[in-house]
Amino acid sequence: MKRIFVIAPALLLAAALLLCAGCSRRTAAEEPAVTGAPPAFEQEVSASAVPVAAASRNDDRFTMRYSAANSFNPFTGTNPDNMAACRLMYESLFELGPGFEPEKLLCESWKTADGITFDFTIRDGVKFSSGTSLTAADVAYSINFAAASDRYAGRFRNLSEALVVDGRTVEVVLLTVDYGLPALLDIPIIEGGSVDTDVPPGTGPYMLDRSGPKFVKNPYYRDGDKLPLEEILLKEYSSAQVTDAFASGDLDLVWDDPFDDSFVSLRENHDLHLYNTTCFQYIGLNFMTPCLERGEVRQAIANAVDRSRIAASMDGCAVPSPLLFSPGWYLYDSAAEPPVPNDRAGSVLRLLKEAGLKDVDGDGFLDYEDGYPINLRFVVYEGSSSKLAAAKMVTRVLEEAGLRATIMPLGWDEYVSALESGEFDLYYAEVMLPADFDFSGILVPGGQLNYGSITSERYFDMIGEVASAATDTARASAASALCRYAAEENPIIPVVYRLYCVHTLRGVVTGLAPTQSSVFHNITALEIDLG
């Protein structure tokens, strides 16, 4: 069966919001924007993030940041703090583990014979905070609503429908083969018919008590006796107030996006928990630009990218990524990574000369064979200082090797317009990928994010081979083949994957290991010391 790739308008919008690279993530685009993401990758943090001793406290209550004016509805809420906290109230069929691997949560077992029709058996004895038992009808309701929602529509473009087989079995039918479906099923499961309420009943460990406001234990949660806290107090703090709140011991935990304009920057009295996301930064190339049609020139630009230095310039809140897939992915193949040149500028110059470029007019910069000067237009969103800095690092190496490239900082609307009209040679981009790392929108001819006019049909086939791999071994092999081919052809140039972070009051929380699915992944393993 031929695999058809279609990117939903909702995913395109989410990608566009993220493509700006540094634009604020304080509003909800697609789901990862507001829920947090994966930790997985073992990130070495600075000494300032290592707990030394518990901080002094003003009270003995665990406190989180929230917004009173915004909803806690996991499908329609927009405040990132509330959405991160939502995972205390809502569970999903699967939850992504440290390496983006799907771990069964509300799902007891699942099977598929063809990668199109999946049967999921839900856990027995699970109840919502309303006291109603979880059934297959609730799960089907949640999946079907998610597929029609702005937040989750992109990941479910391949969904035909979710059906109830019996009280504990849900059948999910896809349009084309995708054995990676479980990684996409970390959406919140709510009680059927409750989506229009401000706080739909969930099966999570806690429930909202607005009189506090606070989270209190869900009396029907199956592992209630293993929870680290009886209740969690909620308070409102502006970004400017967070520093004092940590210093005084009034605030214990806050989620934040390090690239957001209102990023909470703390140096004392707190522990920093960084974790991986599928937020991918890369350099796109315009294949309509004559010199960029040449493989040697694309390779030269790839060699000019010092990923480690770029990641370091982002305050350690990014992971260098020499391949398409995140280094934090549990099936990542480090053996597929291309070699790092010892002499970066020298390797760039050698490749440019192999491509036939030379300095015809003697001005120190390379030209086409006919003497026409080369000056690559490098489009970058001006609202992101980190992306501008990364672009400057790349152009500095290129110009050292004689290839002129001019950075064009643009406002958001102008940036999008330039990409859509092809008025660029290079562009710095950022996109939140789905957890199954589907690159079809970027690499497949006709994809909505294929601004560079990539025409190779082989990406269509290779991405389809990843999706149709029925085992982890086969999936890893297919992904490695895609990465190796892309590293040779350089249709785009991977740069980094971003990290998100959780701040906790120093010495209070032990065992916190957030993932892309939940800031509170494996919550029963947490230990809380309130002094």
Protein backbone atom coordinates (compact mmCIF):
# COMPACT_ATOMS: atom_id res chain seq x y z
CA MET A 1 0.00 0.00 0.00
CA LYS A 2 1.36 3.40 -0.96
CA ARG A 3 1.88 5.63 2.06
CA ILE A 4 0.26 9.05 1.62
CA PHE A 5 1.64 11.93 3.64
CA VAL A 6 -0.67 14.84 4.34
CA ILE A 7 0.10 17.54 6.86
CA ALA A 8 -2.93 18.99 8.56
CA PRO A 9 -3.48 22.76 8.58
CA ALA A 10 -3.32 22.64 12.37
CA LEU A 11 0.15 21.09 12.23
CA LEU A 12 1.20 23.67 9.69
CA LEU A 13 0.06 26.42 12.03
CA ALA A 14 1.88 24.82 14.94
CA ALA A 15 4.98 24.42 12.85
CA ALA A 16 4.75 28.00 11.70
CA LEU A 17 4.46 29.28 15.24
CA LEU A 18 7.53 27.30 16.13
CA LEU A 19 9.39 27.89 12.91
CA CYS A 20 10.06 31.41 14.09
CA ALA A 21 12.64 29.77 16.32
CA GLY A 22 12.52 32.15 19.18
CA CYS A 23 8.91 33.19 19.24
CA SER A 24 7.18 32.95 22.57
CA ARG A 25 5.80 29.59 23.63
CA ARG A 26 3.49 31.10 26.21
CA THR A 27 0.52 30.41 23.97
CA ALA A 28 -0.70 27.03 22.87
CA ALA A 29 0.26 25.99 19.36
CA GLU A 30 0.28 22.20 19.22
CA GLU A 31 0.30 20.20 22.42
CA PRO A 32 4.01 19.99 23.29
CA ALA A 33 4.10 23.77 23.40
CA VAL A 34 2.17 23.86 26.65
CA THR A 35 2.67 20.51 28.33
CA GLY A 36 6.38 20.13 28.67
CA ALA A 37 8.44 17.47 26.92
CA PRO A 38 11.02 14.72 27.28
CA PRO A 39 13.91 14.54 29.68
CA ALA A 40 15.39 11.26 28.61
CA PHE A 41 18.76 12.40 27.39
CA GLU A 42 21.19 12.54 30.29
CA GLN A 43 22.12 16.19 30.37
CA GLU A 44 25.13 17.29 32.40
CA VAL A 45 24.08 20.40 34.28
CA SER A 46 26.13 23.11 35.88
CA ALA A 47 27.17 23.01 39.50
CA SER A 48 24.58 25.64 40.31
CA ALA A 49 21.87 23.11 39.54
CA VAL A 50 23.20 20.48 41.94
CA PRO A 51 21.31 20.37 45.25
CA VAL A 52 23.45 21.27 48.23
CA ALA A 53 21.01 21.65 51.07
CA ALA A 54 17.30 22.20 51.39
CA ALA A 55 16.30 25.84 51.24
CA SER A 56 14.58 27.59 54.10
CA ARG A 57 10.81 27.66 53.81
CA ASN A 58 8.01 29.94 54.93
CA ASP A 59 5.47 27.11 55.15
CA ASP A 60 5.12 23.34 54.93
CA ARG A 61 2.97 23.26 51.80
CA PHE A 62 4.16 22.35 48.31
CA THR A 63 3.33 25.21 45.92
CA MET A 64 3.13 25.46 42.13
CA ARG A 65 2.61 28.37 39.77
CA TYR A 66 -0.69 28.71 37.86
CA SER A 67 -3.01 31.23 36.19
CA ALA A 68 -6.42 31.79 37.75
CA ALA A 69 -7.83 33.46 34.64
CA ASN A 70 -7.08 30.48 32.40
CA SER A 71 -8.69 27.07 32.00
CA PHE A 72 -7.38 23.68 33.11
CA ASN A 73 -9.17 21.95 30.23
CA PRO A 74 -6.41 19.86 28.59
CA PHE A 75 -7.87 20.30 25.11
CA THR A 76 -8.77 23.98 25.11
CA GLY A 77 -6.56 25.55 27.80
CA THR A 78 -3.82 27.90 26.64
CA ASN A 79 -1.78 28.81 29.70
CA PRO A 80 1.46 26.76 29.75
CA ASP A 81 1.68 26.58 33.55
CA ASN A 82 -1.88 25.25 33.80
CA MET A 83 -1.29 22.82 30.95
CA ALA A 84 1.88 21.48 32.59
CA ALA A 85 -0.08 21.02 35.83
CA CYS A 86 -2.88 19.26 33.94
CA ARG A 87 -0.89 16.05 33.94
CA LEU A 88 -1.62 15.77 37.64
CA MET A 89 -5.30 15.33 36.71
CA TYR A 90 -5.19 13.49 33.40
CA GLU A 91 -3.63 10.28 32.19
CA SER A 92 -3.27 8.84 28.71
CA LEU A 93 -3.13 5.43 27.05
CA PHE A 94 0.63 5.81 26.78
CA GLU A 95 3.18 8.16 28.30
CA LEU A 96 6.48 8.93 26.63
CA GLY A 97 9.48 7.72 28.55
CA PRO A 98 12.90 9.35 28.84
CA GLY A 99 13.83 8.42 25.26
CA PHE A 100 10.45 9.19 23.68
CA GLU A 101 9.57 5.50 23.95
CA PRO A 102 5.83 4.86 24.53
CA GLU A 103 5.14 3.35 27.96
CA LYS A 104 1.75 1.81 28.75
CA LEU A 105 -0.27 3.84 31.26
CA LEU A 106 -4.03 3.40 30.88
CA CYS A 107 -3.36 0.80 28.20
CA GLU A 108 -3.01 -2.74 29.54
CA SER A 109 -2.09 -4.32 26.20
CA TRP A 110 -2.31 -3.67 22.47
CA LYS A 111 -1.93 -5.48 19.17
CA THR A 112 -1.96 -4.89 15.42
CA ALA A 113 -1.54 -7.26 12.50
CA ASP A 114 -0.99 -4.71 9.77
CA GLY A 115 -0.02 -1.36 11.31
CA ILE A 116 -3.37 0.09 10.25
CA THR A 117 -5.91 -1.41 12.66
CA PHE A 118 -4.89 -1.37 16.33
CA ASP A 119 -6.75 -2.87 19.29
CA PHE A 120 -6.02 -1.33 22.69
CA THR A 121 -7.21 -2.98 25.91
CA ILE A 122 -7.55 -0.48 28.75
CA ARG A 123 -6.66 -1.21 32.38
CA ASP A 124 -9.41 -2.65 34.51
CA GLY A 125 -10.64 -0.93 37.64
CA VAL A 126 -9.62 2.62 36.71
CA LYS A 127 -11.97 5.40 37.80
CA PHE A 128 -12.36 9.09 37.02
CA SER A 129 -12.26 11.66 39.80
CA SER A 130 -16.07 11.74 39.45
CA GLY A 131 -16.21 8.11 40.60
CA THR A 132 -17.26 6.83 37.16
CA SER A 133 -15.35 3.83 35.79
CA LEU A 134 -13.14 4.35 32.75
CA THR A 135 -14.49 2.57 29.65
CA ALA A 136 -13.46 2.16 26.04
CA ALA A 137 -16.14 4.70 25.13
CA ASP A 138 -14.29 7.40 27.12
CA VAL A 139 -11.04 6.59 25.34
CA ALA A 140 -12.62 6.62 21.89
CA TYR A 141 -14.37 9.88 22.73
CA SER A 142 -11.10 11.51 23.79
CA ILE A 143 -9.17 10.31 20.72
CA ASN A 144 -11.85 11.36 18.26
CA PHE A 145 -12.19 14.77 19.89
CA ALA A 146 -8.42 15.24 19.92
CA ALA A 147 -8.29 14.47 16.19
CA ALA A 148 -10.75 17.30 15.58
CA SER A 149 -9.12 19.79 17.97
CA ASP A 150 -6.72 22.55 17.05
CA ARG A 151 -4.11 21.30 19.48
CA TYR A 152 -3.87 17.66 18.42
CA ALA A 153 -5.22 17.54 14.87
CA GLY A 154 -1.77 17.46 13.27
CA ARG A 155 -0.65 14.23 14.90
CA PHE A 156 -3.94 12.50 14.02
CA ARG A 157 -4.13 13.41 10.34
CA ASN A 158 -3.56 9.73 9.59
CA LEU A 159 -6.50 8.68 11.80
CA SER A 160 -9.63 7.23 10.20
CA GLU A 161 -11.57 6.69 13.44
CA ALA A 162 -11.51 5.30 16.96
CA LEU A 163 -14.21 2.71 17.66
CA VAL A 164 -15.54 0.90 20.72
CA VAL A 165 -15.22 -2.88 20.45
CA ASP A 166 -16.37 -3.66 23.98
CA GLY A 167 -16.20 -2.11 27.44
CA ARG A 168 -12.42 -2.36 27.65
CA THR A 169 -11.31 -2.48 23.99
CA VAL A 170 -10.79 0.44 21.62
CA GLU A 171 -10.08 -0.07 17.93
CA VAL A 172 -8.08 2.68 16.24
CA VAL A 173 -8.05 2.62 12.44
CA LEU A 174 -5.47 4.55 10.41
CA LEU A 175 -5.46 5.59 6.77
CA THR A 176 -1.94 4.32 6.14
CA VAL A 177 0.53 2.07 7.94
CA ASP A 178 2.19 3.54 11.03
CA TYR A 179 3.50 1.21 13.71
CA GLY A 180 4.62 4.30 15.63
CA LEU A 181 1.03 5.14 16.60
CA PRO A 182 1.44 4.42 20.37
CA ALA A 183 3.94 7.29 20.65
CA LEU A 184 1.17 9.65 19.53
CA LEU A 185 -1.37 8.38 22.07
CA ASP A 186 -0.13 10.35 25.07
CA ILE A 187 -3.15 12.65 24.81
CA PRO A 188 -5.29 13.23 27.94
CA ILE A 189 -8.22 10.86 28.44
CA ILE A 190 -11.31 12.59 29.85
CA GLU A 191 -14.78 11.38 30.78
CA GLY A 192 -17.05 11.07 27.75
CA GLY A 193 -19.15 14.15 27.01
CA SER A 194 -17.19 16.43 29.35
CA VAL A 195 -14.98 18.32 26.91
CA ASP A 196 -16.99 21.54 27.18
CA THR A 197 -16.45 21.81 30.93
CA ASP A 198 -13.66 23.91 32.45
CA VAL A 199 -12.17 20.93 34.30
CA PRO A 200 -13.29 17.60 32.78
CA PRO A 201 -12.97 14.58 35.10
CA GLY A 202 -9.71 12.69 34.65
CA THR A 203 -8.14 9.52 36.03
CA GLY A 204 -4.93 11.19 37.26
CA PRO A 205 -3.59 11.17 40.82
CA TYR A 206 -4.98 14.59 41.74
CA MET A 207 -8.07 16.71 41.18
CA LEU A 208 -8.62 20.46 41.30
CA ASP A 209 -10.11 22.10 44.38
CA ARG A 210 -10.81 25.71 43.45
CA SER A 211 -11.51 26.71 47.06
CA GLY A 212 -7.78 26.50 47.74
CA PRO A 213 -6.96 26.85 44.99
CA LYS A 214 -5.10 23.56 45.16
CA PHE A 215 -4.78 20.02 43.87
CA VAL A 216 -6.00 17.33 46.24
CA LYS A 217 -5.72 13.58 45.96
CA ASN A 218 -8.14 11.90 43.60
CA PRO A 219 -9.95 9.56 46.06
CA TYR A 220 -10.38 7.01 43.28
CA TYR A 221 -6.77 6.94 42.11
CA ARG A 222 -5.48 3.36 42.20
CA ASP A 223 -2.08 4.22 43.72
CA GLY A 224 -3.22 6.98 46.06
CA ASP A 225 -1.22 5.56 48.95
CA LYS A 226 2.00 5.98 46.94
CA LEU A 227 1.59 9.67 46.12
CA PRO A 228 4.24 12.02 47.57
CA LEU A 229 1.80 14.76 48.68
CA GLU A 230 -1.69 15.04 50.11
CA GLU A 231 -2.24 18.37 48.36
CA ILE A 232 -0.48 20.90 46.14
CA LEU A 233 -1.12 24.60 46.64
CA LEU A 234 -1.55 26.85 43.57
CA LYS A 235 -0.40 30.48 43.47
CA GLU A 236 -0.03 33.11 40.78
CA TYR A 237 3.39 34.64 40.16
CA SER A 238 4.64 36.81 37.35
CA SER A 239 8.02 35.93 35.88
CA ALA A 240 9.49 38.88 37.78
CA GLN A 241 8.08 37.54 41.07
CA VAL A 242 9.35 33.98 40.65
CA THR A 243 12.90 34.81 41.73
CA ASP A 244 11.74 36.26 45.05
CA ALA A 245 9.26 33.43 45.50
CA PHE A 246 12.05 30.86 45.24
CA ALA A 247 14.36 32.92 47.44
CA SER A 248 11.73 33.07 50.18
CA GLY A 249 10.70 29.44 49.85
CA ASP A 250 7.14 30.34 48.82
CA LEU A 251 7.33 28.53 45.47
CA ASP A 252 8.45 24.93 45.00
CA LEU A 253 8.03 24.16 41.29
CA VAL A 254 7.60 26.01 38.00
CA TRP A 255 7.79 24.81 34.39
CA ASP A 256 9.36 27.08 31.81
CA ASP A 257 10.58 27.36 28.24
CA PRO A 258 14.16 28.68 28.25
CA PHE A 259 13.64 30.34 24.85
CA ASP A 260 10.55 32.26 25.88
CA ASP A 261 10.91 36.00 26.37
CA SER A 262 9.63 35.57 29.93
CA PHE A 263 12.00 32.71 30.77
CA VAL A 264 12.63 32.39 34.47
CA SER A 265 16.34 32.83 35.06
CA LEU A 266 17.38 31.64 38.50
CA ARG A 267 20.87 31.17 39.83
CA GLU A 268 20.34 30.42 43.51
CA ASN A 269 18.06 28.48 45.83
CA HIS A 270 16.77 26.11 43.18
CA ASP A 271 17.42 22.92 41.24
CA LEU A 272 17.22 22.94 37.46
CA HIS A 273 15.79 19.90 35.65
CA LEU A 274 16.45 20.02 31.89
CA TYR A 275 14.75 17.59 29.56
CA ASN A 276 14.61 16.83 25.84
CA THR A 277 11.87 17.85 23.46
CA THR A 278 11.05 17.17 19.82
CA CYS A 279 11.53 20.90 19.17
CA PHE A 280 13.94 20.78 16.23
CA GLN A 281 16.10 23.60 14.88
CA TYR A 282 17.62 23.31 11.43
CA ILE A 283 18.88 25.29 8.46
CA GLY A 284 16.76 25.07 5.34
CA LEU A 285 18.20 25.52 1.85
CA ASN A 286 16.60 26.76 -1.36
CA PHE A 287 17.23 24.19 -4.08
CA MET A 288 16.26 26.82 -6.64
CA THR A 289 19.48 28.70 -5.81
CA PRO A 290 22.00 27.51 -8.45
CA CYS A 291 24.96 26.86 -6.17
CA LEU A 292 22.81 25.03 -3.60
CA GLU A 293 21.88 22.44 -6.19
CA ARG A 294 25.45 21.20 -5.86
CA GLY A 295 25.96 18.57 -3.19
CA GLU A 296 29.44 19.82 -2.34
CA VAL A 297 28.11 23.29 -1.51
CA ARG A 298 25.37 21.88 0.74
CA GLN A 299 27.97 19.72 2.47
CA ALA A 300 30.22 22.74 2.89
CA ILE A 301 27.42 24.63 4.64
CA ALA A 302 26.77 21.60 6.85
CA ASN A 303 30.46 21.52 7.79
CA ALA A 304 30.25 25.19 8.77
CA VAL A 305 27.75 24.40 11.51
CA ASP A 306 29.45 24.01 14.88
CA ARG A 307 26.54 22.40 16.73
CA SER A 308 28.30 22.09 20.06
CA ARG A 309 29.19 25.76 20.08
CA ILE A 310 25.67 26.76 19.07
CA ALA A 311 24.15 24.59 21.80
CA ALA A 312 26.55 26.09 24.36
CA SER A 313 25.52 29.60 23.28
CA MET A 314 21.95 28.66 24.19
CA ASP A 315 22.91 28.36 27.86
CA GLY A 316 23.01 24.58 27.62
CA CYS A 317 19.28 24.44 26.86
CA ALA A 318 19.83 22.64 23.58
CA VAL A 319 21.37 19.35 22.45
CA PRO A 320 23.67 19.26 19.38
CA SER A 321 21.99 17.20 16.67
CA PRO A 322 24.10 16.03 13.72
CA LEU A 323 21.24 13.80 12.47
CA LEU A 324 17.56 14.32 11.77
CA PHE A 325 16.46 12.40 14.85
CA SER A 326 17.05 13.62 18.39
CA PRO A 327 20.11 12.21 20.18
CA GLY A 328 17.70 11.54 23.06
CA TRP A 329 15.57 9.13 21.01
CA TYR A 330 15.74 5.60 22.36
CA LEU A 331 16.52 4.20 18.88
CA TYR A 332 19.11 6.84 17.96
CA ASP A 333 22.08 5.49 16.00
CA SER A 334 25.21 7.46 16.90
CA ALA A 335 27.17 5.39 14.37
CA ALA A 336 25.28 7.20 11.61
CA GLU A 337 26.67 10.59 12.66
CA PRO A 338 28.89 12.21 10.03
CA PRO A 339 32.50 12.92 11.04
CA VAL A 340 33.27 16.31 12.57
CA PRO A 341 35.90 18.16 10.48
CA ASN A 342 39.13 19.01 12.29
CA ASP A 343 39.57 22.19 10.26
CA ARG A 344 36.04 23.47 9.79
CA ALA A 345 36.81 26.43 7.53
CA GLY A 346 39.39 24.41 5.61
CA SER A 347 36.93 21.61 4.88
CA VAL A 348 34.35 24.18 3.77
CA LEU A 349 36.82 25.79 1.34
CA ARG A 350 37.88 22.42 -0.07
CA LEU A 351 34.29 21.41 -0.78
CA LEU A 352 33.47 24.78 -2.35
CA LYS A 353 36.42 24.44 -4.71
CA GLU A 354 35.33 20.89 -5.57
CA ALA A 355 31.98 22.41 -6.51
CA GLY A 356 33.74 24.60 -9.08
CA LEU A 357 33.42 27.89 -7.22
CA LYS A 358 36.36 30.29 -7.43
CA ASP A 359 37.27 33.88 -6.72
CA VAL A 360 37.06 35.28 -10.24
CA ASP A 361 37.29 39.00 -9.46
CA GLY A 362 39.89 38.75 -6.69
CA ASP A 363 37.73 40.32 -3.97
CA GLY A 364 38.32 37.44 -1.56
CA PHE A 365 34.91 35.84 -2.08
CA LEU A 366 33.92 32.96 -4.32
CA ASP A 367 31.93 33.42 -7.52
CA TYR A 368 30.23 31.24 -10.08
CA GLU A 369 32.37 30.08 -13.00
CA ASP A 370 31.13 32.99 -15.12
CA GLY A 371 32.23 35.50 -12.48
CA TYR A 372 28.75 36.20 -11.10
CA PRO A 373 29.15 36.92 -7.36
CA ILE A 374 27.57 34.65 -4.77
CA ASN A 375 25.85 36.23 -1.79
CA LEU A 376 23.50 33.87 0.02
CA ARG A 377 20.46 35.46 1.67
CA PHE A 378 20.15 33.90 5.13
CA VAL A 379 16.65 34.60 6.48
CA VAL A 380 16.25 34.55 10.29
CA TYR A 381 13.38 35.63 12.54
CA GLU A 382 14.56 38.83 14.21
CA GLY A 383 12.65 38.12 17.43
CA SER A 384 15.04 35.33 18.42
CA SER A 385 18.44 36.48 19.63
CA SER A 386 19.62 32.86 20.01
CA LYS A 387 18.82 32.01 16.39
CA LEU A 388 20.43 35.18 15.13
CA ALA A 389 23.55 34.29 17.12
CA ALA A 390 23.55 30.76 15.68
CA ALA A 391 23.19 32.08 12.13
CA LYS A 392 26.09 34.48 12.69
CA MET A 393 28.32 31.62 13.83
CA VAL A 394 27.58 29.75 10.61
CA THR A 395 28.07 32.74 8.29
CA ARG A 396 31.34 33.61 10.03
CA VAL A 397 32.81 30.22 9.08
CA LEU A 398 31.41 30.43 5.54
CA GLU A 399 32.91 33.87 4.96
CA GLU A 400 36.23 32.73 6.41
CA ALA A 401 36.20 30.13 3.63
CA GLY A 402 35.23 32.75 1.05
CA LEU A 403 31.50 32.13 0.69
CA ARG A 404 29.58 35.35 1.29
CA ALA A 405 26.29 35.00 3.19
CA THR A 406 24.21 37.92 4.43
CA ILE A 407 21.87 37.49 7.40
CA MET A 408 18.44 39.04 6.82
CA PRO A 409 16.64 39.53 10.17
CA LEU A 410 12.89 39.74 9.49
CA GLY A 411 9.76 40.28 11.53
CA TRP A 412 7.50 37.27 11.87
CA ASP A 413 5.09 38.09 9.03
CA GLU A 414 7.94 39.05 6.72
CA TYR A 415 9.83 35.89 7.69
CA VAL A 416 6.89 33.64 6.81
CA SER A 417 6.28 35.56 3.59
CA ALA A 418 9.91 35.11 2.54
CA LEU A 419 9.71 31.36 3.08
CA GLU A 420 6.41 31.00 1.26
CA SER A 421 7.59 33.07 -1.72
CA GLY A 422 11.04 31.46 -1.91
CA GLU A 423 12.80 34.79 -1.31
CA PHE A 424 15.75 33.24 0.48
CA ASP A 425 18.77 31.04 -0.05
CA LEU A 426 19.09 29.81 3.55
CA TYR A 427 16.72 30.07 6.49
CA TYR A 428 16.95 29.19 10.17
CA ALA A 429 13.88 27.25 11.28
CA GLU A 430 12.34 25.58 14.29
CA VAL A 431 9.48 23.10 14.34
CA MET A 432 7.85 20.92 16.98
CA LEU A 433 7.88 17.42 15.51
CA PRO A 434 5.43 14.69 16.53
CA ALA A 435 6.85 12.07 18.88
CA ASP A 436 7.19 9.56 16.04
CA PHE A 437 9.60 11.97 14.28
CA ASP A 438 7.66 12.23 11.03
CA PHE A 439 9.66 14.50 8.70
CA SER A 440 7.29 14.20 5.75
CA GLY A 441 6.04 17.79 5.98
CA ILE A 442 9.61 19.08 5.62
CA LEU A 443 11.27 16.58 3.28
CA VAL A 444 8.56 15.13 1.05
CA PRO A 445 7.83 16.98 -2.22
CA GLY A 446 4.64 18.95 -1.73
CA GLY A 447 4.94 19.05 2.08
CA GLN A 448 3.66 22.29 3.55
CA LEU A 449 6.99 22.97 5.28
CA ASN A 450 9.08 22.04 2.24
CA TYR A 451 9.98 25.67 1.55
CA GLY A 452 13.27 24.71 -0.11
CA SER A 453 11.65 22.84 -3.02
CA ILE A 454 13.13 19.45 -2.13
CA THR A 455 12.18 17.17 -5.02
CA SER A 456 13.70 13.78 -4.19
CA GLU A 457 10.95 11.13 -3.98
CA ARG A 458 13.29 8.92 -1.99
CA TYR A 459 12.42 10.74 1.24
CA PHE A 460 8.79 9.75 0.72
CA ASP A 461 9.80 6.09 0.53
CA MET A 462 12.32 6.17 3.36
CA ILE A 463 9.98 7.96 5.78
CA GLY A 464 7.35 5.39 4.84
CA GLU A 465 9.81 2.60 5.68
CA VAL A 466 10.28 4.06 9.17
CA ALA A 467 6.51 4.18 9.70
CA SER A 468 5.95 0.65 8.37
CA ALA A 469 8.68 -0.92 10.55
CA ALA A 470 6.88 -3.37 12.85
CA THR A 471 9.68 -3.81 15.42
CA ASP A 472 12.08 -1.49 17.23
CA THR A 473 14.99 -3.17 15.46
CA ALA A 474 13.46 -2.60 12.04
CA ARG A 475 12.44 0.94 12.96
CA ALA A 476 15.93 1.80 14.18
CA SER A 477 17.42 0.40 10.97
CA ALA A 478 15.04 2.35 8.74
CA ALA A 479 15.59 5.56 10.73
CA SER A 480 19.36 5.11 10.54
CA ALA A 481 19.14 4.65 6.75
CA LEU A 482 17.08 7.85 6.46
CA CYS A 483 19.59 9.74 8.62
CA ARG A 484 22.59 8.52 6.64
CA TYR A 485 21.00 9.43 3.33
CA ALA A 486 19.97 12.87 4.59
CA ALA A 487 23.49 13.45 5.98
CA GLU A 488 24.89 12.73 2.52
CA GLU A 489 22.39 14.81 0.57
CA ASN A 490 21.76 17.61 3.13
CA PRO A 491 18.21 18.55 2.08
CA ILE A 492 18.16 20.41 5.40
CA ILE A 493 20.95 20.80 7.95
CA PRO A 494 20.11 19.69 11.51
CA VAL A 495 21.43 21.97 14.24
CA VAL A 496 19.99 21.27 17.71
CA TYR A 497 17.03 19.88 19.61
CA ARG A 498 15.79 22.18 22.35
CA LEU A 499 15.48 21.39 26.03
CA TYR A 500 12.72 22.60 28.34
CA CYS A 501 13.17 22.90 32.07
CA VAL A 502 11.51 22.58 35.45
CA HIS A 503 12.71 24.65 38.41
CA THR A 504 12.24 23.27 41.92
CA LEU A 505 13.17 24.76 45.26
CA ARG A 506 16.58 23.42 46.22
CA GLY A 507 16.57 20.10 48.02
CA VAL A 508 12.78 19.75 48.07
CA VAL A 509 12.12 17.38 45.15
CA THR A 510 14.04 14.17 44.51
CA GLY A 511 13.46 11.84 41.57
CA LEU A 512 11.78 14.35 39.24
CA ALA A 513 12.21 13.07 35.67
CA PRO A 514 9.86 14.98 33.35
CA THR A 515 9.22 13.76 29.83
CA GLN A 516 7.57 15.24 26.78
CA SER A 517 4.30 13.71 27.94
CA SER A 518 4.39 14.85 31.53
CA VAL A 519 6.37 17.01 33.90
CA PHE A 520 5.28 14.51 36.57
CA HIS A 521 6.33 11.32 34.80
CA ASN A 522 6.33 8.40 37.25
CA ILE A 523 4.99 10.59 40.04
CA THR A 524 4.86 7.80 42.62
CA ALA A 525 8.67 7.66 42.51
CA LEU A 526 9.00 11.28 43.67
CA GLU A 527 10.20 12.13 47.14
CA ILE A 528 9.25 15.48 48.66
CA ASP A 529 11.11 17.01 51.60
CA LEU A 530 9.30 20.07 52.96
CA GLY A 531 11.81 20.55 55.76
